[in-house]
PDB file of all heavy atoms in Angstrom:
ATOM      1  N   LEU A   1      -5.911   9.271  -0.180  1.00  0.00           N
ATOM      2  CA  LEU A   1      -6.628   8.097   0.236  1.00  0.00           C
ATOM      3  C   LEU A   1      -7.664   8.510   1.297  1.00  0.00           C
ATOM      4  O   LEU A   1      -7.289   8.787   2.471  1.00  0.00           O
ATOM      5  CB  LEU A   1      -5.637   7.039   0.831  1.00  0.00           C
ATOM      6  CG  LEU A   1      -4.491   6.624  -0.121  1.00  0.00           C
ATOM      7  CD1 LEU A   1      -3.454   5.779   0.633  1.00  0.00           C
ATOM      8  CD2 LEU A   1      -5.031   5.985  -1.346  1.00  0.00           C
ATOM      9  N   ALA A   2      -8.905   8.690   0.866  1.00  0.00           N
ATOM     10  CA  ALA A   2      -9.898   9.271   1.791  1.00  0.00           C
ATOM     11  C   ALA A   2     -10.236   8.364   2.961  1.00  0.00           C
ATOM     12  O   ALA A   2     -10.623   8.833   4.048  1.00  0.00           O
ATOM     13  CB  ALA A   2     -11.185   9.510   0.983  1.00  0.00           C
ATOM     14  N   ASP A   3     -10.083   7.017   2.799  1.00  0.00           N
ATOM     15  CA  ASP A   3     -10.476   6.083   3.892  1.00  0.00           C
ATOM     16  C   ASP A   3      -9.788   4.768   3.673  1.00  0.00           C
ATOM     17  O   ASP A   3      -9.003   4.607   2.735  1.00  0.00           O
ATOM     18  CB  ASP A   3     -12.018   5.914   3.897  1.00  0.00           C
ATOM     19  CG  ASP A   3     -12.596   5.534   2.556  1.00  0.00           C
ATOM     20  OD1 ASP A   3     -11.833   4.938   1.682  1.00  0.00           O
ATOM     21  OD2 ASP A   3     -13.811   5.827   2.290  1.00  0.00           O
ATOM     22  N   ALA A   4     -10.133   3.824   4.625  1.00  0.00           N
ATOM     23  CA  ALA A   4      -9.490   2.536   4.537  1.00  0.00           C
ATOM     24  C   ALA A   4      -9.775   1.821   3.237  1.00  0.00           C
ATOM     25  O   ALA A   4      -8.903   1.076   2.704  1.00  0.00           O
ATOM     26  CB  ALA A   4      -9.966   1.634   5.693  1.00  0.00           C
ATOM     27  N   ALA A   5     -10.991   2.032   2.668  1.00  0.00           N
ATOM     28  CA  ALA A   5     -11.335   1.376   1.395  1.00  0.00           C
ATOM     29  C   ALA A   5     -10.397   1.887   0.270  1.00  0.00           C
ATOM     30  O   ALA A   5     -10.014   1.109  -0.592  1.00  0.00           O
ATOM     31  CB  ALA A   5     -12.780   1.644   1.019  1.00  0.00           C
ATOM     32  N   ALA A   6     -10.019   3.145   0.317  1.00  0.00           N
ATOM     33  CA  ALA A   6      -9.110   3.727  -0.735  1.00  0.00           C
ATOM     34  C   ALA A   6      -7.701   3.111  -0.563  1.00  0.00           C
ATOM     35  O   ALA A   6      -7.045   2.856  -1.537  1.00  0.00           O
ATOM     36  CB  ALA A   6      -9.055   5.206  -0.635  1.00  0.00           C
ATOM     37  N   THR A   7      -7.309   2.880   0.721  1.00  0.00           N
ATOM     38  CA  THR A   7      -5.995   2.270   0.967  1.00  0.00           C
ATOM     39  C   THR A   7      -6.039   0.801   0.487  1.00  0.00           C
ATOM     40  O   THR A   7      -5.057   0.352  -0.175  1.00  0.00           O
ATOM     41  CB  THR A   7      -5.679   2.373   2.491  1.00  0.00           C
ATOM     42  OG1 THR A   7      -5.711   3.645   2.840  1.00  0.00           O
ATOM     43  CG2 THR A   7      -4.304   1.711   2.771  1.00  0.00           C
ATOM     44  N   ASP A   8      -7.147   0.067   0.716  1.00  0.00           N
ATOM     45  CA  ASP A   8      -7.258  -1.292   0.237  1.00  0.00           C
ATOM     46  C   ASP A   8      -7.218  -1.325  -1.304  1.00  0.00           C
ATOM     47  O   ASP A   8      -6.584  -2.179  -1.890  1.00  0.00           O
ATOM     48  CB  ASP A   8      -8.551  -1.917   0.652  1.00  0.00           C
ATOM     49  CG  ASP A   8      -8.531  -2.244   2.142  1.00  0.00           C
ATOM     50  OD1 ASP A   8      -7.483  -2.249   2.814  1.00  0.00           O
ATOM     51  OD2 ASP A   8      -9.638  -2.589   2.740  1.00  0.00           O
ATOM     52  N   ASP A   9      -7.892  -0.344  -1.956  1.00  0.00           N
ATOM     53  CA  ASP A   9      -7.924  -0.252  -3.410  1.00  0.00           C
ATOM     54  C   ASP A   9      -6.464  -0.020  -3.944  1.00  0.00           C
ATOM     55  O   ASP A   9      -6.069  -0.687  -4.911  1.00  0.00           O
ATOM     56  CB  ASP A   9      -8.792   0.894  -3.817  1.00  0.00           C
ATOM     57  CG  ASP A   9      -8.881   0.976  -5.371  1.00  0.00           C
ATOM     58  OD1 ASP A   9      -9.321  -0.035  -6.026  1.00  0.00           O
ATOM     59  OD2 ASP A   9      -8.458   2.017  -5.895  1.00  0.00           O
ATOM     60  N   LEU A  10      -5.721   0.789  -3.320  1.00  0.00           N
ATOM     61  CA  LEU A  10      -4.318   1.021  -3.739  1.00  0.00           C
ATOM     62  C   LEU A  10      -3.554  -0.296  -3.572  1.00  0.00           C
ATOM     63  O   LEU A  10      -2.790  -0.647  -4.491  1.00  0.00           O
ATOM     64  CB  LEU A  10      -3.711   2.159  -2.927  1.00  0.00           C
ATOM     65  CG  LEU A  10      -2.203   2.352  -3.242  1.00  0.00           C
ATOM     66  CD1 LEU A  10      -1.957   2.685  -4.717  1.00  0.00           C
ATOM     67  CD2 LEU A  10      -1.635   3.518  -2.338  1.00  0.00           C
ATOM     68  N   GLY A  11      -3.692  -1.020  -2.515  1.00  0.00           N
ATOM     69  CA  GLY A  11      -3.033  -2.277  -2.312  1.00  0.00           C
ATOM     70  C   GLY A  11      -3.389  -3.253  -3.407  1.00  0.00           C
ATOM     71  O   GLY A  11      -2.474  -3.950  -3.942  1.00  0.00           O
ATOM     72  N   GLN A  12      -4.627  -3.306  -3.755  1.00  0.00           N
ATOM     73  CA  GLN A  12      -5.098  -4.223  -4.844  1.00  0.00           C
ATOM     74  C   GLN A  12      -4.518  -3.835  -6.173  1.00  0.00           C
ATOM     75  O   GLN A  12      -4.085  -4.703  -6.974  1.00  0.00           O
ATOM     76  CB  GLN A  12      -6.582  -4.207  -4.905  1.00  0.00           C
ATOM     77  CG  GLN A  12      -7.268  -4.896  -3.722  1.00  0.00           C
ATOM     78  CD  GLN A  12      -8.748  -4.667  -3.669  1.00  0.00           C
ATOM     79  OE1 GLN A  12      -9.350  -4.210  -4.632  1.00  0.00           O
ATOM     80  NE2 GLN A  12      -9.333  -4.976  -2.492  1.00  0.00           N
ATOM     81  N   ARG A  13      -4.446  -2.556  -6.463  1.00  0.00           N
ATOM     82  CA  ARG A  13      -3.898  -2.073  -7.733  1.00  0.00           C
ATOM     83  C   ARG A  13      -2.365  -2.344  -7.808  1.00  0.00           C
ATOM     84  O   ARG A  13      -1.887  -2.743  -8.847  1.00  0.00           O
ATOM     85  CB  ARG A  13      -4.173  -0.586  -7.915  1.00  0.00           C
ATOM     86  CG  ARG A  13      -5.671  -0.356  -8.163  1.00  0.00           C
ATOM     87  CD  ARG A  13      -6.023   1.108  -8.202  1.00  0.00           C
ATOM     88  NE  ARG A  13      -5.247   1.920  -9.089  1.00  0.00           N
ATOM     89  CZ  ARG A  13      -4.892   3.177  -8.866  1.00  0.00           C
ATOM     90  NH1 ARG A  13      -5.248   3.725  -7.747  1.00  0.00           N
ATOM     91  NH2 ARG A  13      -4.196   3.779  -9.752  1.00  0.00           N
ATOM     92  N   LEU A  14      -1.672  -2.115  -6.681  1.00  0.00           N
ATOM     93  CA  LEU A  14      -0.252  -2.431  -6.628  1.00  0.00           C
ATOM     94  C   LEU A  14      -0.004  -3.899  -6.845  1.00  0.00           C
ATOM     95  O   LEU A  14       0.906  -4.308  -7.618  1.00  0.00           O
ATOM     96  CB  LEU A  14       0.339  -2.025  -5.314  1.00  0.00           C
ATOM     97  CG  LEU A  14       0.531  -0.536  -5.053  1.00  0.00           C
ATOM     98  CD1 LEU A  14       0.759  -0.249  -3.639  1.00  0.00           C
ATOM     99  CD2 LEU A  14       1.669   0.007  -5.917  1.00  0.00           C
ATOM    100  N   ALA A  15      -0.848  -4.793  -6.259  1.00  0.00           N
ATOM    101  CA  ALA A  15      -0.690  -6.254  -6.472  1.00  0.00           C
ATOM    102  C   ALA A  15      -0.944  -6.650  -7.911  1.00  0.00           C
ATOM    103  O   ALA A  15      -0.242  -7.508  -8.413  1.00  0.00           O
ATOM    104  CB  ALA A  15      -1.653  -6.990  -5.510  1.00  0.00           C
ATOM    105  N   ALA A  16      -1.933  -6.052  -8.502  1.00  0.00           N
ATOM    106  CA  ALA A  16      -2.313  -6.410  -9.871  1.00  0.00           C
ATOM    107  C   ALA A  16      -1.227  -6.118 -10.855  1.00  0.00           C
ATOM    108  O   ALA A  16      -1.166  -6.802 -11.910  1.00  0.00           O
ATOM    109  CB  ALA A  16      -3.638  -5.694 -10.232  1.00  0.00           C
ATOM    110  N   HIS A  17      -0.401  -5.131 -10.594  1.00  0.00           N
ATOM    111  CA  HIS A  17       0.649  -4.713 -11.563  1.00  0.00           C
ATOM    112  C   HIS A  17       2.030  -4.932 -11.091  1.00  0.00           C
ATOM    113  O   HIS A  17       2.966  -4.476 -11.735  1.00  0.00           O
ATOM    114  CB  HIS A  17       0.435  -3.216 -11.874  1.00  0.00           C
ATOM    115  CG  HIS A  17      -0.914  -2.932 -12.451  1.00  0.00           C
ATOM    116  ND1 HIS A  17      -1.232  -3.319 -13.726  1.00  0.00           N
ATOM    117  CD2 HIS A  17      -1.978  -2.328 -11.970  1.00  0.00           C
ATOM    118  CE1 HIS A  17      -2.503  -2.919 -13.994  1.00  0.00           C
ATOM    119  NE2 HIS A  17      -2.962  -2.362 -12.900  1.00  0.00           N
ATOM    120  N   ARG A  18       2.288  -5.622  -9.964  1.00  0.00           N
ATOM    121  CA  ARG A  18       3.636  -5.760  -9.445  1.00  0.00           C
ATOM    122  C   ARG A  18       4.496  -6.583 -10.353  1.00  0.00           C
ATOM    123  O   ARG A  18       4.078  -7.478 -11.044  1.00  0.00           O
ATOM    124  CB  ARG A  18       3.629  -6.325  -8.076  1.00  0.00           C
ATOM    125  CG  ARG A  18       3.499  -7.854  -8.092  1.00  0.00           C
ATOM    126  CD  ARG A  18       3.673  -8.439  -6.710  1.00  0.00           C
ATOM    127  NE  ARG A  18       3.314  -9.866  -6.768  1.00  0.00           N
ATOM    128  CZ  ARG A  18       4.228 -10.806  -6.699  1.00  0.00           C
ATOM    129  NH1 ARG A  18       5.472 -10.547  -6.607  1.00  0.00           N
ATOM    130  NH2 ARG A  18       3.851 -12.074  -6.776  1.00  0.00           N
ATOM    131  N   PRO A  19       5.818  -6.157 -10.411  1.00  0.00           N
ATOM    132  CA  PRO A  19       6.753  -6.979 -11.163  1.00  0.00           C
ATOM    133  C   PRO A  19       7.029  -8.313 -10.479  1.00  0.00           C
ATOM    134  O   PRO A  19       6.665  -8.484  -9.266  1.00  0.00           O
ATOM    135  CB  PRO A  19       8.043  -6.139 -11.220  1.00  0.00           C
ATOM    136  CG  PRO A  19       7.802  -5.080 -10.128  1.00  0.00           C
ATOM    137  CD  PRO A  19       6.378  -4.991  -9.836  1.00  0.00           C
ATOM    138  N   ALA A  20       7.613  -9.258 -11.161  1.00  0.00           N
ATOM    139  CA  ALA A  20       7.898 -10.568 -10.589  1.00  0.00           C
ATOM    140  C   ALA A  20       8.765 -10.515  -9.336  1.00  0.00           C
ATOM    141  O   ALA A  20       8.618 -11.228  -8.390  1.00  0.00           O
ATOM    142  CB  ALA A  20       8.582 -11.427 -11.666  1.00  0.00           C
ATOM    143  N   GLN A  21       9.689  -9.528  -9.307  1.00  0.00           N
ATOM    144  CA  GLN A  21      10.603  -9.334  -8.158  1.00  0.00           C
ATOM    145  C   GLN A  21      10.556  -7.904  -7.825  1.00  0.00           C
ATOM    146  O   GLN A  21      10.715  -7.033  -8.667  1.00  0.00           O
ATOM    147  CB  GLN A  21      12.037  -9.764  -8.541  1.00  0.00           C
ATOM    148  CG  GLN A  21      12.989  -9.952  -7.427  1.00  0.00           C
ATOM    149  CD  GLN A  21      12.793 -11.335  -6.759  1.00  0.00           C
ATOM    150  OE1 GLN A  21      12.297 -12.268  -7.380  1.00  0.00           O
ATOM    151  NE2 GLN A  21      13.138 -11.426  -5.531  1.00  0.00           N
ATOM    152  N   ALA A  22      10.261  -7.592  -6.543  1.00  0.00           N
ATOM    153  CA  ALA A  22      10.065  -6.154  -6.184  1.00  0.00           C
ATOM    154  C   ALA A  22      10.427  -5.912  -4.713  1.00  0.00           C
ATOM    155  O   ALA A  22      10.129  -6.721  -3.825  1.00  0.00           O
ATOM    156  CB  ALA A  22       8.706  -5.658  -6.436  1.00  0.00           C
ATOM    157  N   VAL A  23      11.008  -4.715  -4.461  1.00  0.00           N
ATOM    158  CA  VAL A  23      11.344  -4.261  -3.104  1.00  0.00           C
ATOM    159  C   VAL A  23      10.569  -2.929  -2.987  1.00  0.00           C
ATOM    160  O   VAL A  23      10.729  -1.992  -3.755  1.00  0.00           O
ATOM    161  CB  VAL A  23      12.773  -4.046  -2.901  1.00  0.00           C
ATOM    162  CG1 VAL A  23      13.081  -3.484  -1.487  1.00  0.00           C
ATOM    163  CG2 VAL A  23      13.571  -5.374  -3.088  1.00  0.00           C
ATOM    164  N   VAL A  24       9.756  -2.837  -1.890  1.00  0.00           N
ATOM    165  CA  VAL A  24       8.973  -1.622  -1.653  1.00  0.00           C
ATOM    166  C   VAL A  24       9.362  -1.115  -0.289  1.00  0.00           C
ATOM    167  O   VAL A  24       9.270  -1.837   0.723  1.00  0.00           O
ATOM    168  CB  VAL A  24       7.445  -1.974  -1.658  1.00  0.00           C
ATOM    169  CG1 VAL A  24       6.657  -0.654  -1.331  1.00  0.00           C
ATOM    170  CG2 VAL A  24       7.048  -2.546  -3.002  1.00  0.00           C
ATOM    171  N   HIS A  25       9.794   0.145  -0.210  1.00  0.00           N
ATOM    172  CA  HIS A  25      10.049   0.791   1.085  1.00  0.00           C
ATOM    173  C   HIS A  25       8.850   1.672   1.421  1.00  0.00           C
ATOM    174  O   HIS A  25       8.409   2.516   0.645  1.00  0.00           O
ATOM    175  CB  HIS A  25      11.337   1.619   1.011  1.00  0.00           C
ATOM    176  CG  HIS A  25      12.593   0.857   0.941  1.00  0.00           C
ATOM    177  ND1 HIS A  25      13.797   1.446   0.958  1.00  0.00           N
ATOM    178  CD2 HIS A  25      12.768  -0.516   0.879  1.00  0.00           C
ATOM    179  CE1 HIS A  25      14.745   0.468   0.910  1.00  0.00           C
ATOM    180  NE2 HIS A  25      14.152  -0.690   0.883  1.00  0.00           N
ATOM    181  N   LEU A  26       8.291   1.430   2.648  1.00  0.00           N
ATOM    182  CA  LEU A  26       7.083   2.179   3.073  1.00  0.00           C
ATOM    183  C   LEU A  26       7.594   3.153   4.173  1.00  0.00           C
ATOM    184  O   LEU A  26       8.114   2.789   5.206  1.00  0.00           O
ATOM    185  CB  LEU A  26       6.116   1.163   3.693  1.00  0.00           C
ATOM    186  CG  LEU A  26       5.587   0.155   2.697  1.00  0.00           C
ATOM    187  CD1 LEU A  26       4.986  -1.000   3.474  1.00  0.00           C
ATOM    188  CD2 LEU A  26       4.543   0.796   1.749  1.00  0.00           C
ATOM    189  N   HIS A  27       7.391   4.470   3.843  1.00  0.00           N
ATOM    190  CA  HIS A  27       7.754   5.545   4.740  1.00  0.00           C
ATOM    191  C   HIS A  27       6.522   6.241   5.311  1.00  0.00           C
ATOM    192  O   HIS A  27       5.554   6.303   4.647  1.00  0.00           O
ATOM    193  CB  HIS A  27       8.580   6.574   3.975  1.00  0.00           C
ATOM    194  CG  HIS A  27       9.898   6.089   3.464  1.00  0.00           C
ATOM    195  ND1 HIS A  27      11.070   6.123   4.167  1.00  0.00           N
ATOM    196  CD2 HIS A  27      10.153   5.474   2.244  1.00  0.00           C
ATOM    197  CE1 HIS A  27      12.001   5.569   3.470  1.00  0.00           C
ATOM    198  NE2 HIS A  27      11.535   5.203   2.297  1.00  0.00           N
ATOM    199  N   GLY A  28       6.683   6.747   6.537  1.00  0.00           N
ATOM    200  CA  GLY A  28       5.593   7.492   7.139  1.00  0.00           C
ATOM    201  C   GLY A  28       5.668   7.366   8.601  1.00  0.00           C
ATOM    202  O   GLY A  28       6.271   6.456   9.199  1.00  0.00           O
ATOM    203  N   ASP A  29       5.039   8.360   9.275  1.00  0.00           N
ATOM    204  CA  ASP A  29       5.007   8.373  10.743  1.00  0.00           C
ATOM    205  C   ASP A  29       4.169   7.178  11.284  1.00  0.00           C
ATOM    206  O   ASP A  29       3.456   6.572  10.506  1.00  0.00           O
ATOM    207  CB  ASP A  29       4.415   9.676  11.250  1.00  0.00           C
ATOM    208  CG  ASP A  29       5.326  10.860  11.003  1.00  0.00           C
ATOM    209  OD1 ASP A  29       6.564  10.656  10.880  1.00  0.00           O
ATOM    210  OD2 ASP A  29       4.788  11.992  10.881  1.00  0.00           O
ATOM    211  N   LEU A  30       4.235   7.015  12.564  1.00  0.00           N
ATOM    212  CA  LEU A  30       3.331   5.994  13.238  1.00  0.00           C
ATOM    213  C   LEU A  30       1.885   6.343  12.915  1.00  0.00           C
ATOM    214  O   LEU A  30       1.451   7.501  12.958  1.00  0.00           O
ATOM    215  CB  LEU A  30       3.505   5.978  14.721  1.00  0.00           C
ATOM    216  CG  LEU A  30       4.851   5.374  15.274  1.00  0.00           C
ATOM    217  CD1 LEU A  30       5.029   5.649  16.722  1.00  0.00           C
ATOM    218  CD2 LEU A  30       4.939   3.908  14.984  1.00  0.00           C
ATOM    219  N   GLY A  31       1.102   5.344  12.493  1.00  0.00           N
ATOM    220  CA  GLY A  31      -0.298   5.570  12.209  1.00  0.00           C
ATOM    221  C   GLY A  31      -0.546   6.115  10.803  1.00  0.00           C
ATOM    222  O   GLY A  31      -1.682   6.383  10.472  1.00  0.00           O
ATOM    223  N   ALA A  32       0.483   6.234   9.956  1.00  0.00           N
ATOM    224  CA  ALA A  32       0.268   6.778   8.630  1.00  0.00           C
ATOM    225  C   ALA A  32      -0.349   5.756   7.625  1.00  0.00           C
ATOM    226  O   ALA A  32      -0.767   6.151   6.576  1.00  0.00           O
ATOM    227  CB  ALA A  32       1.599   7.271   8.059  1.00  0.00           C
ATOM    228  N   GLY A  33      -0.394   4.489   7.987  1.00  0.00           N
ATOM    229  CA  GLY A  33      -1.011   3.496   7.111  1.00  0.00           C
ATOM    230  C   GLY A  33      -0.113   2.507   6.457  1.00  0.00           C
ATOM    231  O   GLY A  33      -0.563   1.798   5.510  1.00  0.00           O
ATOM    232  N   LYS A  34       1.128   2.451   6.859  1.00  0.00           N
ATOM    233  CA  LYS A  34       2.100   1.582   6.238  1.00  0.00           C
ATOM    234  C   LYS A  34       1.649   0.085   6.343  1.00  0.00           C
ATOM    235  O   LYS A  34       1.653  -0.622   5.362  1.00  0.00           O
ATOM    236  CB  LYS A  34       3.465   1.756   6.866  1.00  0.00           C
ATOM    237  CG  LYS A  34       4.107   3.112   6.707  1.00  0.00           C
ATOM    238  CD  LYS A  34       5.425   3.258   7.400  1.00  0.00           C
ATOM    239  CE  LYS A  34       5.411   3.064   8.869  1.00  0.00           C
ATOM    240  NZ  LYS A  34       4.650   4.100   9.647  1.00  0.00           N
ATOM    241  N   SER A  35       1.292  -0.348   7.530  1.00  0.00           N
ATOM    242  CA  SER A  35       0.872  -1.751   7.780  1.00  0.00           C
ATOM    243  C   SER A  35      -0.460  -1.984   7.091  1.00  0.00           C
ATOM    244  O   SER A  35      -0.711  -3.068   6.510  1.00  0.00           O
ATOM    245  CB  SER A  35       0.768  -2.031   9.218  1.00  0.00           C
ATOM    246  OG  SER A  35       1.991  -2.028   9.860  1.00  0.00           O
ATOM    247  N   THR A  36      -1.345  -1.026   7.101  1.00  0.00           N
ATOM    248  CA  THR A  36      -2.637  -1.185   6.433  1.00  0.00           C
ATOM    249  C   THR A  36      -2.470  -1.414   4.958  1.00  0.00           C
ATOM    250  O   THR A  36      -3.112  -2.351   4.332  1.00  0.00           O
ATOM    251  CB  THR A  36      -3.534   0.084   6.657  1.00  0.00           C
ATOM    252  OG1 THR A  36      -3.732   0.249   8.056  1.00  0.00           O
ATOM    253  CG2 THR A  36      -4.868  -0.089   6.000  1.00  0.00           C
ATOM    254  N   LEU A  37      -1.628  -0.624   4.305  1.00  0.00           N
ATOM    255  CA  LEU A  37      -1.336  -0.817   2.857  1.00  0.00           C
ATOM    256  C   LEU A  37      -0.674  -2.164   2.616  1.00  0.00           C
ATOM    257  O   LEU A  37      -0.998  -2.846   1.659  1.00  0.00           O
ATOM    258  CB  LEU A  37      -0.491   0.348   2.361  1.00  0.00           C
ATOM    259  CG  LEU A  37      -0.146   0.291   0.858  1.00  0.00           C
ATOM    260  CD1 LEU A  37      -1.390   0.257   0.011  1.00  0.00           C
ATOM    261  CD2 LEU A  37       0.725   1.479   0.519  1.00  0.00           C
ATOM    262  N   ALA A  38       0.294  -2.560   3.391  1.00  0.00           N
ATOM    263  CA  ALA A  38       1.021  -3.824   3.273  1.00  0.00           C
ATOM    264  C   ALA A  38      -0.002  -4.941   3.327  1.00  0.00           C
ATOM    265  O   ALA A  38       0.044  -5.913   2.547  1.00  0.00           O
ATOM    266  CB  ALA A  38       2.098  -3.962   4.276  1.00  0.00           C
TER     267      ALA A  38
END
């Protein structure tokens, strides 16, 4: 993910294909982009 726009794009793609019921665990250090992706 080169920049914030790439992170936004991933979020959009995840939303477009998500199952009706889903649990996503977001892992990473502080500042890794977990909240940005959410």
